[in-house]
C-alpha atoms as a PDB file:
ATOM      1  CA  MET A   1     -24.147 -57.017 -56.197  1.00  0.00           C
ATOM      2  CA  THR A   2     -25.708 -53.576 -56.096  1.00  0.00           C
ATOM      3  CA  ASP A   3     -27.364 -54.389 -52.774  1.00  0.00           C
ATOM      4  CA  GLN A   4     -24.013 -55.391 -51.288  1.00  0.00           C
ATOM      5  CA  ILE A   5     -22.417 -52.108 -52.423  1.00  0.00           C
ATOM      6  CA  ASN A   6     -25.300 -50.091 -50.984  1.00  0.00           C
ATOM      7  CA  GLN A   7     -25.069 -51.958 -47.677  1.00  0.00           C
ATOM      8  CA  ALA A   8     -21.307 -51.368 -47.522  1.00  0.00           C
ATOM      9  CA  SER A   9     -21.777 -47.647 -48.222  1.00  0.00           C
ATOM     10  CA  ALA A  10     -24.440 -47.415 -45.556  1.00  0.00           C
ATOM     11  CA  GLY A  11     -22.191 -49.137 -43.048  1.00  0.00           C
ATOM     12  CA  THR A  12     -19.329 -46.780 -43.849  1.00  0.00           C
ATOM     13  CA  ALA A  13     -21.606 -43.747 -43.458  1.00  0.00           C
ATOM     14  CA  ALA A  14     -22.888 -45.093 -40.157  1.00  0.00           C
ATOM     15  CA  ARG A  15     -19.349 -45.478 -38.886  1.00  0.00           C
ATOM     16  CA  ARG A  16     -18.409 -41.931 -40.011  1.00  0.00           C
ATOM     17  CA  GLY A  17     -21.403 -40.365 -38.264  1.00  0.00           C
ATOM     18  CA  PRO A  18     -20.261 -40.851 -34.650  1.00  0.00           C
ATOM     19  CA  HIS A  19     -16.668 -40.028 -35.630  1.00  0.00           C
ATOM     20  CA  ARG A  20     -17.702 -36.655 -37.079  1.00  0.00           C
ATOM     21  CA  THR A  21     -19.731 -35.904 -33.960  1.00  0.00           C
ATOM     22  CA  VAL A  22     -16.722 -36.572 -31.743  1.00  0.00           C
ATOM     23  CA  VAL A  23     -14.524 -34.329 -33.904  1.00  0.00           C
ATOM     24  CA  VAL A  24     -17.066 -31.493 -33.796  1.00  0.00           C
ATOM     25  CA  LEU A  25     -17.453 -31.778 -30.019  1.00  0.00           C
ATOM     26  CA  ALA A  26     -13.674 -31.843 -29.535  1.00  0.00           C
ATOM     27  CA  ALA A  27     -13.239 -28.763 -31.707  1.00  0.00           C
ATOM     28  CA  ALA A  28     -15.957 -26.934 -29.782  1.00  0.00           C
ATOM     29  CA  ALA A  29     -14.288 -27.862 -26.476  1.00  0.00           C
ATOM     30  CA  ILE A  30     -10.901 -26.575 -27.696  1.00  0.00           C
ATOM     31  CA  LEU A  31     -12.447 -23.294 -28.844  1.00  0.00           C
ATOM     32  CA  GLY A  32     -14.176 -22.949 -25.494  1.00  0.00           C
ATOM     33  CA  VAL A  33     -10.922 -23.443 -23.590  1.00  0.00           C
ATOM     34  CA  MET A  34      -9.134 -20.933 -25.844  1.00  0.00           C
ATOM     35  CA  PHE A  35     -11.866 -18.350 -25.259  1.00  0.00           C
ATOM     36  CA  LEU A  36     -11.649 -18.886 -21.483  1.00  0.00           C
ATOM     37  CA  VAL A  37      -7.859 -18.448 -21.497  1.00  0.00           C
ATOM     38  CA  VAL A  38      -8.088 -15.218 -23.523  1.00  0.00           C
ATOM     39  CA  TRP A  39     -10.815 -13.873 -21.218  1.00  0.00           C
ATOM     40  CA  LEU A  40      -8.810 -14.680 -18.096  1.00  0.00           C
ATOM     41  CA  GLN A  41      -5.704 -13.038 -19.524  1.00  0.00           C
ATOM     42  CA  SER A  42      -7.610  -9.894 -20.487  1.00  0.00           C
ATOM     43  CA  SER A  43      -9.227  -9.624 -17.050  1.00  0.00           C
ATOM     44  CA  LYS A  44      -5.814 -10.133 -15.463  1.00  0.00           C
ATOM     45  CA  TYR A  45      -4.496  -6.933 -17.036  1.00  0.00           C
ATOM     46  CA  GLU A  46      -7.706  -4.911 -16.818  1.00  0.00           C
ATOM     47  CA  PRO A  47      -6.826  -1.876 -14.688  1.00  0.00           C
ATOM     48  CA  LEU A  48      -8.413  -1.180 -11.331  1.00  0.00           C
ATOM     49  CA  VAL A  49     -11.196   1.350 -11.877  1.00  0.00           C
ATOM     50  CA  VAL A  50     -11.673   4.487  -9.787  1.00  0.00           C
ATOM     51  CA  GLY A  51     -15.035   4.371  -8.013  1.00  0.00           C
ATOM     52  CA  LYS A  52     -14.832   0.632  -7.300  1.00  0.00           C
ATOM     53  CA  GLN A  53     -14.052  -1.094  -4.013  1.00  0.00           C
ATOM     54  CA  ALA A  54     -10.328  -1.346  -3.367  1.00  0.00           C
ATOM     55  CA  PRO A  55      -9.233  -5.013  -3.156  1.00  0.00           C
ATOM     56  CA  ASP A  56      -8.546  -6.110   0.399  1.00  0.00           C
ATOM     57  CA  PHE A  57      -5.275  -7.757   1.426  1.00  0.00           C
ATOM     58  CA  GLN A  58      -3.226  -8.702   4.470  1.00  0.00           C
ATOM     59  CA  LEU A  59       0.545  -8.236   4.611  1.00  0.00           C
ATOM     60  CA  PRO A  60       3.204  -8.176   7.344  1.00  0.00           C
ATOM     61  CA  ASP A  61       4.930  -4.996   8.429  1.00  0.00           C
ATOM     62  CA  LEU A  62       8.648  -4.776   9.207  1.00  0.00           C
ATOM     63  CA  ASN A  63       7.993  -6.381  12.589  1.00  0.00           C
ATOM     64  CA  ASP A  64       6.068  -9.260  10.963  1.00  0.00           C
ATOM     65  CA  LYS A  65       2.806  -7.947  12.374  1.00  0.00           C
ATOM     66  CA  PRO A  66      -0.034  -8.688   9.914  1.00  0.00           C
ATOM     67  CA  LEU A  67      -1.994  -5.631   8.772  1.00  0.00           C
ATOM     68  CA  ARG A  68      -5.175  -5.748   6.709  1.00  0.00           C
ATOM     69  CA  LEU A  69      -6.409  -2.912   4.493  1.00  0.00           C
ATOM     70  CA  SER A  70     -10.014  -3.316   5.651  1.00  0.00           C
ATOM     71  CA  ASP A  71      -8.922  -2.702   9.257  1.00  0.00           C
ATOM     72  CA  TYR A  72      -8.648   0.986   8.335  1.00  0.00           C
ATOM     73  CA  ARG A  73     -12.258   1.523   7.297  1.00  0.00           C
ATOM     74  CA  GLY A  74     -13.396   4.915   8.512  1.00  0.00           C
ATOM     75  CA  LYS A  75     -10.045   6.476   7.600  1.00  0.00           C
ATOM     76  CA  VAL A  76      -8.603   7.796   4.359  1.00  0.00           C
ATOM     77  CA  VAL A  77      -5.890   5.416   3.164  1.00  0.00           C
ATOM     78  CA  PHE A  78      -2.912   6.505   1.071  1.00  0.00           C
ATOM     79  CA  LEU A  79      -1.775   3.202  -0.433  1.00  0.00           C
ATOM     80  CA  ASN A  80       1.622   3.406  -2.104  1.00  0.00           C
ATOM     81  CA  PHE A  81       3.517   0.657  -3.941  1.00  0.00           C
ATOM     82  CA  TRP A  82       7.284   1.013  -4.117  1.00  0.00           C
ATOM     83  CA  ALA A  83      10.634  -0.827  -4.155  1.00  0.00           C
ATOM     84  CA  THR A  84      14.117  -0.170  -2.782  1.00  0.00           C
ATOM     85  CA  TRP A  85      15.642  -0.301  -6.279  1.00  0.00           C
ATOM     86  CA  CYS A  86      13.217   2.354  -7.593  1.00  0.00           C
ATOM     87  CA  LYS A  87      14.882   5.791  -7.788  1.00  0.00           C
ATOM     88  CA  PRO A  88      11.595   7.739  -8.274  1.00  0.00           C
ATOM     89  CA  CYS A  89      10.237   5.953  -5.170  1.00  0.00           C
ATOM     90  CA  ARG A  90      13.187   7.183  -3.132  1.00  0.00           C
ATOM     91  CA  GLU A  91      12.607  10.723  -4.402  1.00  0.00           C
ATOM     92  CA  GLU A  92       8.891  10.576  -3.577  1.00  0.00           C
ATOM     93  CA  MET A  93       9.173   9.161  -0.052  1.00  0.00           C
ATOM     94  CA  PRO A  94      10.255  12.340   1.813  1.00  0.00           C
ATOM     95  CA  SER A  95       7.154  14.214   0.613  1.00  0.00           C
ATOM     96  CA  MET A  96       5.034  11.254   1.753  1.00  0.00           C
ATOM     97  CA  GLU A  97       6.573  11.556   5.221  1.00  0.00           C
ATOM     98  CA  VAL A  98       5.701  15.274   5.316  1.00  0.00           C
ATOM     99  CA  LEU A  99       2.157  14.428   4.225  1.00  0.00           C
ATOM    100  CA  TYR A 100       1.841  11.790   6.945  1.00  0.00           C
ATOM    101  CA  LYS A 101       3.023  14.112   9.714  1.00  0.00           C
ATOM    102  CA  ASN A 102       0.677  16.896   8.597  1.00  0.00           C
ATOM    103  CA  PHE A 103      -2.492  14.832   8.110  1.00  0.00           C
ATOM    104  CA  GLU A 104      -2.245  11.811  10.425  1.00  0.00           C
ATOM    105  CA  LYS A 105      -4.218  13.704  13.067  1.00  0.00           C
ATOM    106  CA  ASP A 106      -6.994  14.271  10.513  1.00  0.00           C
ATOM    107  CA  GLY A 107      -7.472  10.565   9.874  1.00  0.00           C
ATOM    108  CA  LEU A 108      -4.930   9.861   7.128  1.00  0.00           C
ATOM    109  CA  VAL A 109      -3.284   6.432   7.036  1.00  0.00           C
ATOM    110  CA  ILE A 110      -0.289   5.773   4.801  1.00  0.00           C
ATOM    111  CA  LEU A 111       0.476   2.170   3.897  1.00  0.00           C
ATOM    112  CA  ALA A 112       3.661   1.803   1.850  1.00  0.00           C
ATOM    113  CA  VAL A 113       3.798  -1.656   0.290  1.00  0.00           C
ATOM    114  CA  SER A 114       7.241  -2.788  -0.807  1.00  0.00           C
ATOM    115  CA  ILE A 115       7.178  -5.168  -3.769  1.00  0.00           C
ATOM    116  CA  ASP A 116      10.814  -6.153  -3.206  1.00  0.00           C
ATOM    117  CA  ARG A 117      11.177  -9.870  -3.788  1.00  0.00           C
ATOM    118  CA  VAL A 118      13.042 -12.237  -1.501  1.00  0.00           C
ATOM    119  CA  THR A 119      16.419 -11.336  -3.018  1.00  0.00           C
ATOM    120  CA  THR A 120      16.134  -7.619  -2.147  1.00  0.00           C
ATOM    121  CA  LYS A 121      13.870  -7.858   0.908  1.00  0.00           C
ATOM    122  CA  LYS A 122      16.839  -7.314   3.225  1.00  0.00           C
ATOM    123  CA  GLU A 123      17.311  -3.837   1.766  1.00  0.00           C
ATOM    124  CA  ILE A 124      13.954  -2.571   3.077  1.00  0.00           C
ATOM    125  CA  PRO A 125      14.866  -1.756   6.739  1.00  0.00           C
ATOM    126  CA  PRO A 126      18.009   0.246   5.803  1.00  0.00           C
ATOM    127  CA  PHE A 127      15.995   2.106   3.157  1.00  0.00           C
ATOM    128  CA  VAL A 128      13.290   3.051   5.669  1.00  0.00           C
ATOM    129  CA  LYS A 129      15.804   4.016   8.351  1.00  0.00           C
ATOM    130  CA  GLY A 130      17.878   6.088   5.932  1.00  0.00           C
ATOM    131  CA  LEU A 131      14.873   8.241   5.001  1.00  0.00           C
ATOM    132  CA  ASN A 132      13.522   8.400   8.585  1.00  0.00           C
ATOM    133  CA  LEU A 133      10.108   7.110   7.521  1.00  0.00           C
ATOM    134  CA  THR A 134       7.559   6.751  10.315  1.00  0.00           C
ATOM    135  CA  PHE A 135       4.476   5.515   8.433  1.00  0.00           C
ATOM    136  CA  PRO A 136       3.707   1.767   8.222  1.00  0.00           C
ATOM    137  CA  VAL A 137       5.729  -0.164   5.653  1.00  0.00           C
ATOM    138  CA  LEU A 138       4.376  -3.521   4.489  1.00  0.00           C
ATOM    139  CA  VAL A 139       6.233  -6.284   2.664  1.00  0.00           C
ATOM    140  CA  ASP A 140       4.815  -8.169  -0.324  1.00  0.00           C
ATOM    141  CA  SER A 141       7.711 -10.385  -1.406  1.00  0.00           C
ATOM    142  CA  TRP A 142       5.423 -12.922  -3.087  1.00  0.00           C
ATOM    143  CA  GLY A 143       3.427 -10.499  -5.233  1.00  0.00           C
ATOM    144  CA  GLN A 144       0.077 -10.905  -3.477  1.00  0.00           C
ATOM    145  CA  THR A 145      -1.034  -7.387  -4.399  1.00  0.00           C
ATOM    146  CA  ASP A 146       0.385  -7.326  -7.941  1.00  0.00           C
ATOM    147  CA  LYS A 147      -2.586  -9.130  -9.477  1.00  0.00           C
ATOM    148  CA  ARG A 148      -5.205  -7.530  -7.250  1.00  0.00           C
ATOM    149  CA  TYR A 149      -4.133  -3.995  -8.096  1.00  0.00           C
ATOM    150  CA  LYS A 150      -2.948  -4.777 -11.669  1.00  0.00           C
ATOM    151  CA  LEU A 151       0.303  -2.941 -11.002  1.00  0.00           C
ATOM    152  CA  MET A 152       2.045  -1.514 -14.060  1.00  0.00           C
ATOM    153  CA  GLY A 153       5.175  -0.510 -12.158  1.00  0.00           C
ATOM    154  CA  VAL A 154       6.344   1.565  -9.202  1.00  0.00           C
ATOM    155  CA  PRO A 155       5.644   3.948  -7.700  1.00  0.00           C
ATOM    156  CA  GLU A 156       1.868   3.782  -7.854  1.00  0.00           C
ATOM    157  CA  THR A 157      -0.476   5.424  -5.352  1.00  0.00           C
ATOM    158  CA  TYR A 158      -4.131   4.714  -4.587  1.00  0.00           C
ATOM    159  CA  ILE A 159      -6.256   7.093  -2.523  1.00  0.00           C
ATOM    160  CA  ILE A 160      -9.015   5.118  -0.774  1.00  0.00           C
ATOM    161  CA  ASP A 161     -11.916   6.749   1.052  1.00  0.00           C
ATOM    162  CA  GLN A 162     -13.473   5.920   4.423  1.00  0.00           C
ATOM    163  CA  GLN A 163     -15.783   3.313   2.849  1.00  0.00           C
ATOM    164  CA  GLY A 164     -12.927   1.482   1.123  1.00  0.00           C
ATOM    165  CA  VAL A 165     -13.662   2.915  -2.348  1.00  0.00           C
ATOM    166  CA  LEU A 166     -10.841   3.916  -4.676  1.00  0.00           C
ATOM    167  CA  ARG A 167     -11.060   7.680  -5.304  1.00  0.00           C
ATOM    168  CA  GLU A 168      -7.821   8.485  -7.089  1.00  0.00           C
ATOM    169  CA  LYS A 169      -5.069   6.529  -8.826  1.00  0.00           C
ATOM    170  CA  VAL A 170      -1.665   8.073  -9.482  1.00  0.00           C
ATOM    171  CA  ILE A 171       0.814   6.374 -11.791  1.00  0.00           C
ATOM    172  CA  GLY A 172       4.369   7.512 -11.171  1.00  0.00           C
ATOM    173  CA  PRO A 173       5.921   9.750  -8.513  1.00  0.00           C
ATOM    174  CA  ARG A 174       4.379  12.933  -7.165  1.00  0.00           C
ATOM    175  CA  ASP A 175       5.475  15.744  -4.876  1.00  0.00           C
ATOM    176  CA  TRP A 176       2.974  15.388  -2.024  1.00  0.00           C
ATOM    177  CA  THR A 177       3.920  18.743  -0.514  1.00  0.00           C
ATOM    178  CA  ARG A 178       2.291  20.640  -3.403  1.00  0.00           C
ATOM    179  CA  LEU A 179      -1.287  21.689  -2.712  1.00  0.00           C
ATOM    180  CA  ASP A 180      -2.420  21.112  -6.292  1.00  0.00           C
ATOM    181  CA  ASN A 181      -1.516  17.419  -5.861  1.00  0.00           C
ATOM    182  CA  LEU A 182      -3.695  17.091  -2.748  1.00  0.00           C
ATOM    183  CA  LYS A 183      -7.130  18.103  -4.025  1.00  0.00           C
ATOM    184  CA  VAL A 184      -8.810  14.680  -3.727  1.00  0.00           C
ATOM    185  CA  LEU A 185      -7.000  13.812  -0.523  1.00  0.00           C
ATOM    186  CA  THR A 186      -7.871  17.020   1.317  1.00  0.00           C
ATOM    187  CA  GLN A 187     -11.476  16.818   0.134  1.00  0.00           C
ATOM    188  CA  LEU A 188     -11.803  13.359   1.659  1.00  0.00           C
ATOM    189  CA  LEU A 189     -10.212  14.489   4.918  1.00  0.00           C
ATOM    190  CA  LYS A 190     -12.797  17.220   5.466  1.00  0.00           C
ATOM    191  CA  PRO A 191     -15.509  16.591   8.076  1.00  0.00           C
ATOM    192  CA  ALA A 192     -17.995  13.984   6.874  1.00  0.00           C
ATOM    193  CA  GLU A 193     -20.867  16.394   6.444  1.00  0.00           C
ATOM    194  CA  LYS A 194     -18.819  18.747   4.234  1.00  0.00           C
ATOM    195  CA  ALA A 195     -17.424  15.916   2.138  1.00  0.00           C
ATOM    196  CA  ALA A 196     -20.892  14.462   1.614  1.00  0.00           C
ATOM    197  CA  SER A 197     -22.393  17.768   0.548  1.00  0.00           C
ATOM    198  CA  SER A 198     -19.627  18.617  -1.913  1.00  0.00           C
ATOM    199  CA  GLY A 199     -20.571  15.897  -4.400  1.00  0.00           C
ATOM    200  CA  ALA A 200     -17.025  15.893  -5.837  1.00  0.00           C
ATOM    201  CA  PRO A 201     -16.688  13.094  -8.413  1.00  0.00           C
ATOM    202  CA  PRO A 202     -13.832  10.566  -8.113  1.00  0.00           C
ATOM    203  CA  GLN A 203     -10.772  11.268 -10.222  1.00  0.00           C
ATOM    204  CA  GLU A 204      -8.132   9.212 -11.996  1.00  0.00           C
ATOM    205  CA  THR A 205      -5.057  11.359 -12.258  1.00  0.00           C
ATOM    206  CA  PRO A 206      -1.849  10.899 -14.285  1.00  0.00           C
ATOM    207  CA  ALA A 207       1.470  11.641 -12.677  1.00  0.00           C
ATOM    208  CA  LEU A 208       2.641  15.233 -12.840  1.00  0.00           C
END
C-alpha cells in the first residue's frame, strides 16, 4: 500500500515538473515583452540631443516637389516646425523672413515644416501668401517628422550645421531679428576656417 502511495506521489510530482517549467518560461516571456514595451516608449519620447546628427527626412513642398534635408549638406539649415493654427508661429514668421533675406546669400537655408494634418492642410497656402513668405515651406500631414524630432509642440526650431549636426534647439517662438538670438547661427555662417578655429561648443537654448 505504501509503495502504491509513493508511486502515485512520484507520478504527480513528475507531472507538475513540466507544468511549472512552462509557467516560469511564460512569466519570463511576459516580463521580457513588458520591458521591451517600456523601453520603446521611453526612447520614443527621449528628446533629440544637441551635438547629434539631425534625422534625415523627405517631404513635399507646396508644389509637391520632394525635398530632403540631407540635400542641403554644406549649408546651415534653419529647420522650423509650425502650424497654421499656432498663433506664436504666426508671430514668429515675419522675423524668419527677415532672417532669410539677410543670410540666404551667406549659405542659410530655411525649411519651415508645417505639421498641419489633412483637415487643415488647405490653410497652408493662404497662410504663406498672407505673410509674404519666400523660404521653402514643407508639408508633413502624416506626422513623419514628429517621432524623428520628438516634437513637444510648435513652434520648434533646430539649427543644423554644414555637416548635418544639430547645434541648437529652440523650444517656442523667438524674434530672429535680435542679434542676441543669432549667436549660434552667425557663428556657423562665418567662413569655414574661422568657424573651425573658434571651438564654440554646441548649445541647447530655451525660448526667450
